Amino acid sequence: MRNTCAATLRNALSASIASGTLHDDLKVLSAAELAFLAYDWEIWARDDQLPPCSFVAPGDSPSPSRPPGAEGSMFAPFDSAPRSRPEGAERLGEGESPGASKKRIWLILGGRGSGKTRAGAEWVRRIACGEGTRDEPARIALVGKTINDVRNVMIEGVSGLLAIHPDQERPQFEPSKRRLTWPTGAVAELFSADEADALRGPQFSAAWCDEIAKWRKAERAWDMLQFGLRLGQNPQAVVTTTPRTLVFLKKLMADEATVTTHLATADNALNLAPAFIAEMTRRYADSDIGRQELLGEVIEENAQALWKRAWIAAARVDRAPELVRVVVALDPPVTATAASDACGIVVAGLGADGRAYVLDDRTIQGRDVQTWARAALAAYDDFAADRMVAEVNQGGDLVIAVLQQFRENLPVVKVRATRGKYIRAEPVAALYAEGRVAHAGRFPQLEDQMCAFGADGLAGGRSPDRVDALVWALTELMLSGGGRPSIRML
């Protein structure tokens, strides 16, 4: 969270830039004030790089937004400003609610170059330099996969601890002792996660763990660290990592003591080479590896799921070839509230080569009957479809009546589920395994649901509305013997 003074000063600087007076405004500042501005993290940080409200320890006082000894100037209006956060500035982490209990772990899942290392280093700086916030100087653990990782990235890196401190605050680094010492008396010790037993014995009031997803025996090293986090009123840990689909990482995310933040590479574009952003977008936009390495997402895959990501990726194409049939499949919800199941809308076509191609996922959530009917018809028109396929288990002929209310004589194939979802989906999944279905583009939400769809007929505990629509579309095209001749308008 950002304190009131930092937020006000940030707004003042933004207004100065917008009005074109920044150069003149900065000229009236002293050297000390300019240096202060350069190193005040709360002014420059993005909101997602600051600790969520439930993670800030009681008694923590953010760095003052006025340098010691500054007289008058643009800082004068902030002398008597309260140090509390401004109204509405409280930022909630993933899964948080107002008034949530204080957390012990801040998990930052970030893409490459997203600013997660800087966020971790600045949190350590705040702990180490926070005069008046503790009875004793902080004792901090810095843990990376290897000692070289800790030194090269967390300490001596571009966003490391030595780079982010002004001269008067910068800690002394003693590599031979694996130790950093701040002028405040705070001490940080370096540890390798590959040598977890080294964490037996020492005790800490705070810890920063970097790239935990690449630790060889992550859970063991994490457990050893937890036994040592026993100093102070509220010992806490920050974890910064690009995620991987690991059981331990998902366990850490689910821990009630954890608050999670996601950082995307593109959000830090101002600090990255434009060519890098362009190339990463070109190569990896919407791909599974891109979502993991650039968006900081954990890509879920159920080992018992009917579909495998490898099948989808292997058959993916940029665009579909000539198509002989196109259908829009509709799986309507029972109700129309924000908490209702989504209305699955999937467009698929049969190619002249005999393969099926998924063309689009137009699924919408929590909308009324008229809205999803219009969305389905828009998909029908956009792809010049031959017919609509609609499940009528829930609404019966009402579904057809709603569609034909907007479009008379609309060709609609009514389908009724007489078997369980999993049984209906099995032959469609087999088509993917045989390479007979290709996705023309990337459909992340649909593919996530497919790869989470298990034997219970659910995807992540919820109704698989996108998968249901997909199954109906591909069943109509490939499995129903519905290869009826038709004329398509080109």
Protein backbone atom coordinates (compact mmCIF):
# COMPACT_ATOMS: atom_id res chain seq x y z
CA MET A 1 0.00 0.00 0.00
CA ARG A 2 1.14 3.58 -0.66
CA ASN A 3 1.08 6.13 2.18
CA THR A 4 -0.73 9.44 1.87
CA CYS A 5 2.36 11.58 1.41
CA ALA A 6 3.84 9.37 -1.31
CA ALA A 7 0.52 9.22 -3.15
CA THR A 8 0.13 13.01 -3.01
CA LEU A 9 3.70 13.65 -4.15
CA ARG A 10 3.33 11.09 -6.95
CA ASN A 11 0.20 12.89 -8.14
CA ALA A 12 1.99 16.25 -7.97
CA LEU A 13 4.86 14.96 -10.10
CA SER A 14 2.42 13.47 -12.62
CA ALA A 15 0.59 16.79 -12.86
CA SER A 16 3.91 18.58 -13.33
CA ILE A 17 4.81 16.27 -16.21
CA ALA A 18 1.39 16.70 -17.80
CA SER A 19 1.63 20.49 -17.63
CA GLY A 20 5.19 20.56 -19.00
CA THR A 21 6.61 22.28 -15.90
CA LEU A 22 8.59 19.37 -14.44
CA HIS A 23 12.00 20.83 -15.32
CA ASP A 24 11.21 24.15 -13.66
CA ASP A 25 9.63 22.49 -10.62
CA LEU A 26 12.65 20.25 -10.06
CA LYS A 27 15.09 23.18 -10.32
CA VAL A 28 13.88 24.59 -6.99
CA LEU A 29 14.75 21.37 -5.14
CA SER A 30 17.98 20.88 -3.26
CA ALA A 31 20.39 18.05 -4.06
CA ALA A 32 19.17 16.19 -0.97
CA GLU A 33 15.55 16.49 -2.10
CA LEU A 34 16.36 15.30 -5.62
CA ALA A 35 18.27 12.32 -4.23
CA PHE A 36 15.33 11.55 -1.97
CA LEU A 37 12.94 11.55 -4.92
CA ALA A 38 15.17 9.18 -6.85
CA TYR A 39 15.18 6.59 -4.07
CA ASP A 40 11.64 6.88 -2.64
CA TRP A 41 10.17 3.58 -3.80
CA GLU A 42 6.60 4.44 -2.85
CA ILE A 43 6.64 7.27 -5.37
CA TRP A 44 7.91 5.19 -8.30
CA ALA A 45 6.48 1.73 -7.64
CA ARG A 46 3.46 0.35 -9.44
CA ASP A 47 0.59 -0.54 -7.15
CA ASP A 48 1.20 -4.27 -7.63
CA GLN A 49 4.82 -3.88 -6.48
CA LEU A 50 3.77 -2.60 -3.05
CA PRO A 51 2.74 -4.94 -0.20
CA PRO A 52 -1.02 -5.68 -0.06
CA CYS A 53 -2.82 -4.23 2.95
CA SER A 54 -3.15 -7.60 4.70
CA PHE A 55 0.61 -8.16 4.56
CA VAL A 56 1.78 -4.88 6.10
CA ALA A 57 2.80 -5.64 9.67
CA PRO A 58 1.25 -3.66 12.53
CA GLY A 59 3.54 -0.78 13.43
CA ASP A 60 5.24 -0.65 10.05
CA SER A 61 5.88 2.93 8.99
CA PRO A 62 6.55 3.44 5.30
CA SER A 63 9.54 5.54 4.33
CA PRO A 64 8.80 9.24 4.92
CA SER A 65 7.87 11.18 1.81
CA ARG A 66 10.04 14.14 2.77
CA PRO A 67 13.85 14.07 3.15
CA PRO A 68 15.34 14.96 6.55
CA GLY A 69 16.30 18.60 6.75
CA ALA A 70 14.36 19.73 3.69
CA GLU A 71 12.99 23.22 4.20
CA GLY A 72 10.00 24.57 2.28
CA SER A 73 9.98 23.73 -1.46
CA MET A 74 7.49 21.34 -2.98
CA PHE A 75 7.70 19.14 0.13
CA ALA A 76 6.26 21.80 2.45
CA PRO A 77 2.59 20.87 1.93
CA PHE A 78 3.36 17.34 3.13
CA ASP A 79 4.97 18.25 6.46
CA SER A 80 1.76 17.83 8.43
CA ALA A 81 0.15 15.21 6.22
CA PRO A 82 -0.97 12.03 7.97
CA ARG A 83 1.11 8.90 7.42
CA SER A 84 -1.89 6.63 6.96
CA ARG A 85 -2.92 5.35 3.55
CA PRO A 86 -5.30 7.57 1.59
CA GLU A 87 -8.95 6.66 1.45
CA GLY A 88 -9.54 4.09 -1.28
CA ALA A 89 -5.81 3.34 -1.65
CA GLU A 90 -5.92 0.04 0.19
CA ARG A 91 -4.93 -2.62 -2.33
CA LEU A 92 -6.22 -6.13 -1.90
CA GLY A 93 -4.23 -9.14 -3.00
CA GLU A 94 -5.64 -12.17 -4.79
CA GLY A 95 -8.47 -13.68 -2.75
CA GLU A 96 -8.37 -10.92 -0.10
CA SER A 97 -11.35 -9.15 1.34
CA PRO A 98 -11.49 -5.94 3.37
CA GLY A 99 -10.72 -6.62 7.01
CA ALA A 100 -8.85 -9.84 6.19
CA SER A 101 -6.45 -11.11 8.85
CA LYS A 102 -2.77 -10.22 8.49
CA LYS A 103 -0.71 -12.58 6.37
CA ARG A 104 2.78 -13.92 6.94
CA ILE A 105 3.74 -14.66 3.35
CA TRP A 106 3.64 -12.36 0.33
CA LEU A 107 3.94 -14.50 -2.80
CA ILE A 108 4.83 -12.47 -5.91
CA LEU A 109 4.30 -14.49 -9.09
CA GLY A 110 5.80 -12.50 -11.94
CA GLY A 111 6.79 -12.79 -15.56
CA ARG A 112 10.36 -12.31 -16.74
CA GLY A 113 11.42 -8.70 -16.18
CA SER A 114 8.14 -7.81 -14.47
CA GLY A 115 9.79 -6.03 -11.53
CA LYS A 116 9.37 -8.77 -8.94
CA THR A 117 13.03 -8.72 -7.86
CA ARG A 118 12.86 -4.97 -7.29
CA ALA A 119 9.69 -5.42 -5.25
CA GLY A 120 11.39 -8.03 -3.06
CA ALA A 121 14.55 -5.95 -2.62
CA GLU A 122 12.58 -2.82 -1.71
CA TRP A 123 10.61 -4.76 0.89
CA VAL A 124 13.88 -5.89 2.49
CA ARG A 125 15.18 -2.31 2.39
CA ARG A 126 12.04 -1.12 4.15
CA ILE A 127 12.47 -3.75 6.86
CA ALA A 128 16.20 -3.11 7.31
CA CYS A 129 16.01 0.70 7.32
CA GLY A 130 12.75 1.07 9.24
CA GLU A 131 13.98 3.05 12.21
CA GLY A 132 11.63 3.10 15.19
CA THR A 133 9.57 0.14 14.02
CA ARG A 134 11.31 -2.56 16.08
CA ASP A 135 12.93 -2.92 19.48
CA GLU A 136 15.86 -4.77 17.89
CA PRO A 137 17.46 -4.45 14.42
CA ALA A 138 16.02 -6.84 11.85
CA ARG A 139 17.57 -10.24 11.21
CA ILE A 140 16.87 -11.22 7.61
CA ALA A 141 17.37 -14.40 5.59
CA LEU A 142 18.11 -14.08 1.86
CA VAL A 143 17.49 -17.43 0.20
CA GLY A 144 18.08 -18.37 -3.45
CA LYS A 145 18.72 -21.64 -5.24
CA THR A 146 22.48 -21.19 -4.86
CA ILE A 147 24.73 -18.69 -3.10
CA ASN A 148 25.76 -17.37 -6.52
CA ASP A 149 22.09 -16.70 -7.33
CA VAL A 150 21.68 -14.76 -4.09
CA ARG A 151 24.80 -12.69 -4.73
CA ASN A 152 24.36 -12.10 -8.48
CA VAL A 153 20.63 -11.31 -8.46
CA MET A 154 19.41 -10.41 -4.98
CA ILE A 155 22.44 -8.40 -3.85
CA GLU A 156 24.59 -7.24 -6.77
CA GLY A 157 21.97 -7.37 -9.54
CA VAL A 158 20.54 -4.34 -11.34
CA SER A 159 17.52 -4.47 -9.03
CA GLY A 160 19.46 -5.94 -6.11
CA LEU A 161 19.95 -4.59 -2.61
CA LEU A 162 23.19 -2.70 -3.25
CA ALA A 163 21.68 -0.84 -6.20
CA ILE A 164 18.48 0.42 -4.59
CA HIS A 165 19.88 2.15 -1.49
CA PRO A 166 21.08 5.75 -1.37
CA ASP A 167 24.68 6.11 -0.17
CA GLN A 168 23.81 6.84 3.44
CA GLU A 169 21.58 3.74 3.72
CA ARG A 170 23.57 1.25 1.63
CA PRO A 171 24.53 -1.90 3.55
CA GLN A 172 28.07 -3.27 3.75
CA PHE A 173 28.44 -6.55 1.88
CA GLU A 174 30.91 -9.10 3.23
CA PRO A 175 30.95 -11.97 0.69
CA SER A 176 33.28 -14.15 2.75
CA LYS A 177 30.88 -14.00 5.69
CA ARG A 178 27.78 -14.25 3.46
CA ARG A 179 26.40 -11.22 5.22
CA LEU A 180 24.98 -7.73 4.66
CA THR A 181 25.01 -5.16 7.47
CA TRP A 182 23.01 -1.92 7.41
CA PRO A 183 23.85 1.31 9.26
CA THR A 184 20.73 0.66 11.39
CA GLY A 185 22.30 -2.56 12.69
CA ALA A 186 20.04 -4.83 10.61
CA VAL A 187 21.78 -7.93 9.31
CA ALA A 188 20.93 -10.21 6.37
CA GLU A 189 22.51 -13.63 5.91
CA LEU A 190 22.82 -15.47 2.59
CA PHE A 191 21.57 -19.04 2.18
CA SER A 192 21.38 -21.60 -0.61
CA ALA A 193 18.14 -23.60 -0.85
CA ASP A 194 20.26 -26.48 -2.13
CA GLU A 195 21.90 -26.54 1.33
CA ALA A 196 18.72 -26.49 3.41
CA ASP A 197 20.41 -27.72 6.59
CA ALA A 198 22.31 -24.43 6.79
CA LEU A 199 18.98 -22.91 7.85
CA ARG A 200 19.05 -24.99 11.05
CA GLY A 201 20.14 -22.85 13.97
CA PRO A 202 19.86 -19.22 12.75
CA GLN A 203 16.73 -17.25 13.57
CA PHE A 204 15.13 -14.38 11.71
CA SER A 205 12.46 -11.69 11.81
CA ALA A 206 12.07 -11.61 8.01
CA ALA A 207 13.05 -13.52 4.87
CA TRP A 208 13.22 -12.98 1.13
CA CYS A 209 13.12 -16.09 -1.06
CA ASP A 210 13.86 -15.66 -4.78
CA GLU A 211 12.87 -17.97 -7.66
CA ILE A 212 11.49 -20.63 -5.34
CA ALA A 213 10.00 -22.46 -8.34
CA LYS A 214 13.48 -23.53 -9.45
CA TRP A 215 14.69 -24.71 -6.03
CA ARG A 216 15.65 -28.37 -6.25
CA LYS A 217 14.09 -29.41 -2.92
CA ALA A 218 11.87 -26.42 -2.37
CA GLU A 219 9.57 -27.80 0.30
CA ARG A 220 12.41 -29.00 2.52
CA ALA A 221 14.27 -25.68 2.31
CA TRP A 222 11.00 -23.79 2.94
CA ASP A 223 10.24 -25.89 6.01
CA MET A 224 13.70 -25.30 7.46
CA LEU A 225 13.24 -21.56 6.95
CA GLN A 226 9.85 -21.55 8.70
CA PHE A 227 11.37 -23.00 11.86
CA GLY A 228 13.80 -20.06 11.92
CA LEU A 229 11.23 -17.28 11.39
CA ARG A 230 10.69 -16.71 15.10
CA LEU A 231 11.92 -13.21 15.99
CA GLY A 232 9.87 -10.07 16.47
CA GLN A 233 6.12 -9.58 16.75
CA ASN A 234 5.19 -10.74 13.28
CA PRO A 235 7.96 -12.50 11.30
CA GLN A 236 7.13 -12.46 7.58
CA ALA A 237 8.53 -13.69 4.27
CA VAL A 238 8.39 -12.43 0.70
CA VAL A 239 8.66 -14.95 -2.13
CA THR A 240 9.45 -13.71 -5.65
CA THR A 241 9.34 -16.19 -8.51
CA THR A 242 8.31 -16.91 -12.06
CA PRO A 243 5.85 -19.77 -11.52
CA ARG A 244 5.91 -23.36 -12.66
CA THR A 245 3.24 -26.00 -12.24
CA LEU A 246 4.60 -27.49 -9.02
CA VAL A 247 2.68 -29.17 -6.22
CA PHE A 248 4.64 -27.22 -3.61
CA LEU A 249 3.96 -23.85 -5.27
CA LYS A 250 0.23 -24.54 -5.47
CA LYS A 251 0.30 -25.62 -1.82
CA LEU A 252 1.99 -22.33 -0.91
CA MET A 253 -0.60 -20.36 -2.88
CA ALA A 254 -3.43 -22.16 -1.08
CA ASP A 255 -1.96 -21.57 2.39
CA GLU A 256 -4.25 -19.30 4.44
CA ALA A 257 -1.17 -17.36 5.58
CA THR A 258 -0.31 -16.39 1.99
CA VAL A 259 -1.40 -13.37 -0.04
CA THR A 260 -0.56 -13.62 -3.76
CA THR A 261 0.23 -10.90 -6.29
CA HIS A 262 0.64 -11.39 -10.06
CA LEU A 263 3.04 -9.18 -12.05
CA ALA A 264 3.11 -9.18 -15.86
CA THR A 265 6.16 -8.46 -18.00
CA ALA A 266 4.26 -5.94 -20.12
CA ASP A 267 3.41 -3.87 -17.02
CA ASN A 268 7.12 -3.09 -16.68
CA ALA A 269 7.58 -2.19 -20.35
CA LEU A 270 9.03 1.28 -19.57
CA ASN A 271 12.06 -0.42 -18.01
CA LEU A 272 12.58 -3.03 -20.74
CA ALA A 273 13.88 -2.92 -24.30
CA PRO A 274 11.00 -2.24 -26.73
CA ALA A 275 12.39 -4.91 -29.06
CA PHE A 276 12.19 -7.46 -26.23
CA ILE A 277 8.52 -6.67 -25.56
CA ALA A 278 7.69 -6.85 -29.27
CA GLU A 279 9.51 -10.13 -29.80
CA MET A 280 8.07 -11.81 -26.72
CA THR A 281 4.58 -10.73 -27.76
CA ARG A 282 5.11 -12.00 -31.30
CA ARG A 283 6.47 -15.35 -30.21
CA TYR A 284 4.55 -16.17 -27.06
CA ALA A 285 1.34 -14.11 -26.83
CA ASP A 286 -1.48 -16.28 -25.43
CA SER A 287 0.69 -19.41 -25.48
CA ASP A 288 1.00 -21.56 -22.35
CA ILE A 289 4.68 -20.74 -21.95
CA GLY A 290 3.88 -17.06 -22.50
CA ARG A 291 1.21 -17.08 -19.82
CA GLN A 292 3.68 -18.66 -17.42
CA GLU A 293 6.86 -16.76 -18.28
CA LEU A 294 5.34 -13.37 -19.19
CA LEU A 295 2.10 -13.16 -17.20
CA GLY A 296 3.23 -15.06 -14.11
CA GLU A 297 0.34 -17.52 -14.27
CA VAL A 298 0.37 -21.07 -12.94
CA ILE A 299 -0.76 -23.27 -15.83
CA GLU A 300 -2.99 -25.96 -14.41
CA GLU A 301 -3.27 -29.45 -15.87
CA ASN A 302 -5.21 -32.24 -14.25
CA ALA A 303 -3.34 -35.53 -14.58
CA GLN A 304 -6.71 -37.27 -14.86
CA ALA A 305 -8.06 -34.81 -17.43
CA LEU A 306 -9.41 -36.06 -20.75
CA TRP A 307 -7.40 -33.50 -22.75
CA LYS A 308 -3.66 -32.84 -22.74
CA ARG A 309 -2.12 -29.49 -23.57
CA ALA A 310 0.42 -31.25 -25.79
CA TRP A 311 -2.38 -32.50 -28.07
CA ILE A 312 -3.80 -29.00 -28.46
CA ALA A 313 -0.40 -27.38 -29.01
CA ALA A 314 0.73 -29.99 -31.56
CA ALA A 315 -2.30 -29.45 -33.82
CA ARG A 316 -2.67 -25.68 -33.44
CA VAL A 317 -2.81 -23.58 -36.62
CA ASP A 318 -2.86 -19.83 -37.23
CA ARG A 319 -5.96 -19.99 -39.40
CA ALA A 320 -8.37 -22.61 -40.65
CA PRO A 321 -8.28 -23.85 -44.26
CA GLU A 322 -11.31 -23.96 -46.56
CA LEU A 323 -14.33 -25.11 -44.59
CA VAL A 324 -17.28 -27.12 -45.83
CA ARG A 325 -19.44 -26.67 -42.71
CA VAL A 326 -19.52 -24.28 -39.74
CA VAL A 327 -21.63 -24.61 -36.60
CA VAL A 328 -22.13 -22.51 -33.48
CA ALA A 329 -22.78 -24.61 -30.37
CA LEU A 330 -24.67 -23.16 -27.43
CA ASP A 331 -24.81 -24.45 -23.85
CA PRO A 332 -27.25 -22.05 -22.11
CA PRO A 333 -27.26 -21.50 -18.33
CA VAL A 334 -30.28 -22.24 -16.13
CA THR A 335 -30.30 -18.78 -14.50
CA ALA A 336 -29.03 -15.34 -15.42
CA THR A 337 -27.22 -13.88 -12.39
CA ALA A 338 -23.60 -12.85 -11.90
CA ALA A 339 -23.01 -16.13 -10.03
CA SER A 340 -24.69 -18.28 -12.68
CA ASP A 341 -22.87 -20.74 -14.90
CA ALA A 342 -21.52 -19.17 -18.07
CA CYS A 343 -23.29 -19.57 -21.39
CA GLY A 344 -20.93 -21.68 -23.46
CA ILE A 345 -20.69 -20.48 -27.08
CA VAL A 346 -18.12 -22.19 -29.31
CA VAL A 347 -17.68 -21.91 -33.10
CA ALA A 348 -16.19 -24.85 -35.03
CA GLY A 349 -15.92 -25.89 -38.65
CA LEU A 350 -15.25 -28.99 -40.73
CA GLY A 351 -12.37 -28.55 -43.17
CA ALA A 352 -12.17 -29.87 -46.69
CA ASP A 353 -9.28 -31.97 -45.36
CA GLY A 354 -11.64 -33.86 -43.04
CA ARG A 355 -10.32 -32.28 -39.83
CA ALA A 356 -12.37 -30.17 -37.44
CA TYR A 357 -11.22 -26.65 -36.57
CA VAL A 358 -12.19 -24.71 -33.45
CA LEU A 359 -12.65 -21.15 -34.69
CA ASP A 360 -13.67 -19.12 -31.65
CA ASP A 361 -14.82 -19.17 -28.03
CA ARG A 362 -17.57 -16.58 -27.52
CA THR A 363 -18.63 -17.78 -24.05
CA ILE A 364 -20.14 -15.09 -21.79
CA GLN A 365 -20.75 -15.06 -18.04
CA GLY A 366 -23.67 -13.90 -15.93
CA ARG A 367 -25.83 -12.40 -18.69
CA ASP A 368 -29.57 -12.48 -19.32
CA VAL A 369 -31.26 -14.59 -21.96
CA GLN A 370 -31.44 -11.82 -24.56
CA THR A 371 -27.73 -11.03 -24.19
CA TRP A 372 -26.44 -14.56 -24.71
CA ALA A 373 -28.91 -15.10 -27.56
CA ARG A 374 -27.54 -12.01 -29.32
CA ALA A 375 -23.97 -13.16 -28.67
CA ALA A 376 -24.71 -16.56 -30.21
CA LEU A 377 -26.33 -14.97 -33.25
CA ALA A 378 -23.39 -12.58 -33.66
CA ALA A 379 -21.04 -15.58 -33.76
CA TYR A 380 -23.36 -17.25 -36.26
CA ASP A 381 -23.20 -14.21 -38.54
CA ASP A 382 -19.49 -13.50 -38.09
CA PHE A 383 -18.53 -16.97 -39.25
CA ALA A 384 -21.35 -17.42 -41.79
CA ALA A 385 -22.37 -20.57 -39.94
CA ASP A 386 -24.65 -23.23 -41.42
CA ARG A 387 -26.58 -23.97 -38.27
CA MET A 388 -26.79 -23.50 -34.53
CA VAL A 389 -26.48 -26.45 -32.15
CA ALA A 390 -28.29 -25.85 -28.84
CA GLU A 391 -28.58 -28.03 -25.75
CA VAL A 392 -32.20 -28.04 -24.62
CA ASN A 393 -32.03 -30.05 -21.39
CA GLN A 394 -32.57 -26.99 -19.19
CA GLY A 395 -34.80 -24.70 -21.20
CA GLY A 396 -36.40 -27.12 -23.65
CA ASP A 397 -38.09 -25.43 -26.59
CA LEU A 398 -37.76 -22.09 -24.77
CA VAL A 399 -34.10 -21.92 -25.92
CA ILE A 400 -35.17 -22.35 -29.54
CA ALA A 401 -37.99 -19.83 -29.11
CA VAL A 402 -35.61 -17.21 -27.74
CA LEU A 403 -33.21 -17.64 -30.66
CA GLN A 404 -35.97 -17.55 -33.24
CA GLN A 405 -37.44 -14.48 -31.57
CA PHE A 406 -34.41 -12.63 -32.96
CA ARG A 407 -34.05 -14.61 -36.17
CA GLU A 408 -36.98 -16.36 -37.81
CA ASN A 409 -36.30 -19.68 -39.53
CA LEU A 410 -32.88 -19.92 -37.89
CA PRO A 411 -31.57 -23.46 -38.53
CA VAL A 412 -31.14 -24.93 -35.05
CA VAL A 413 -30.22 -28.50 -34.18
CA LYS A 414 -31.63 -29.43 -30.79
CA VAL A 415 -29.43 -31.76 -28.72
CA ARG A 416 -30.36 -33.35 -25.44
CA ALA A 417 -27.88 -34.82 -22.95
CA THR A 418 -28.82 -38.39 -22.06
CA ARG A 419 -25.40 -39.40 -20.75
CA GLY A 420 -22.94 -37.85 -18.32
CA LYS A 421 -20.61 -35.07 -19.41
CA TYR A 422 -17.48 -37.22 -19.16
CA ILE A 423 -18.93 -40.02 -21.29
CA ARG A 424 -20.10 -37.52 -23.92
CA ALA A 425 -16.67 -35.88 -23.99
CA GLU A 426 -14.57 -39.05 -24.30
CA PRO A 427 -15.00 -39.57 -28.07
CA VAL A 428 -14.30 -35.88 -28.70
CA ALA A 429 -11.10 -36.06 -26.64
CA ALA A 430 -10.12 -39.11 -28.70
CA LEU A 431 -10.35 -36.96 -31.84
CA TYR A 432 -7.78 -34.60 -30.30
CA ALA A 433 -5.49 -37.50 -29.39
CA GLU A 434 -5.64 -38.65 -33.02
CA GLY A 435 -4.81 -35.16 -34.29
CA ARG A 436 -8.18 -34.75 -36.01
CA VAL A 437 -9.08 -31.46 -34.28
CA ALA A 438 -7.06 -28.25 -34.48
CA HIS A 439 -7.49 -24.90 -32.77
CA ALA A 440 -7.26 -21.99 -35.21
CA GLY A 441 -5.62 -19.62 -32.76
CA ARG A 442 -5.41 -19.65 -28.96
CA PHE A 443 -8.35 -19.85 -26.59
CA PRO A 444 -6.79 -19.76 -23.08
CA GLN A 445 -9.97 -20.03 -21.00
CA LEU A 446 -11.41 -22.85 -23.10
CA GLU A 447 -8.11 -24.73 -23.09
CA ASP A 448 -7.70 -24.29 -19.33
CA GLN A 449 -11.15 -25.77 -18.83
CA MET A 450 -10.42 -28.67 -21.19
CA CYS A 451 -7.20 -29.55 -19.36
CA ALA A 452 -8.93 -29.38 -15.96
CA PHE A 453 -11.94 -31.49 -17.00
CA GLY A 454 -11.92 -34.73 -15.02
CA ALA A 455 -13.95 -37.84 -14.39
CA ASP A 456 -16.32 -35.97 -12.05
CA GLY A 457 -17.59 -33.99 -15.03
CA LEU A 458 -16.32 -30.73 -13.55
CA ALA A 459 -13.44 -28.38 -14.35
CA GLY A 460 -11.87 -26.93 -11.24
CA GLY A 461 -15.04 -27.71 -9.29
CA ARG A 462 -17.29 -25.78 -11.67
CA SER A 463 -19.57 -26.67 -14.55
CA PRO A 464 -17.47 -26.88 -17.77
CA ASP A 465 -19.70 -24.67 -19.92
CA ARG A 466 -17.08 -23.99 -22.58
CA VAL A 467 -16.23 -27.68 -22.81
CA ASP A 468 -19.92 -28.59 -23.08
CA ALA A 469 -20.35 -26.26 -26.04
CA LEU A 470 -17.15 -27.57 -27.63
CA VAL A 471 -18.32 -31.17 -27.28
CA TRP A 472 -21.68 -30.40 -28.88
CA ALA A 473 -20.02 -28.58 -31.80
CA LEU A 474 -17.49 -31.30 -32.55
CA THR A 475 -20.03 -34.08 -32.05
CA GLU A 476 -22.25 -32.43 -34.66
CA LEU A 477 -19.38 -32.04 -37.09
CA MET A 478 -17.47 -35.29 -36.63
CA LEU A 479 -19.47 -37.91 -34.75
CA SER A 480 -23.19 -37.54 -35.45
CA GLY A 481 -23.21 -38.61 -39.05
CA GLY A 482 -24.45 -35.09 -39.64
CA GLY A 483 -22.50 -34.57 -42.82
CA ARG A 484 -25.62 -33.46 -44.57
CA PRO A 485 -25.01 -31.59 -47.82
CA SER A 486 -25.55 -27.84 -47.63
CA ILE A 487 -24.75 -24.67 -49.52
CA ARG A 488 -22.54 -22.07 -47.85
CA MET A 489 -22.60 -18.43 -48.92
CA LEU A 490 -19.04 -17.11 -49.49
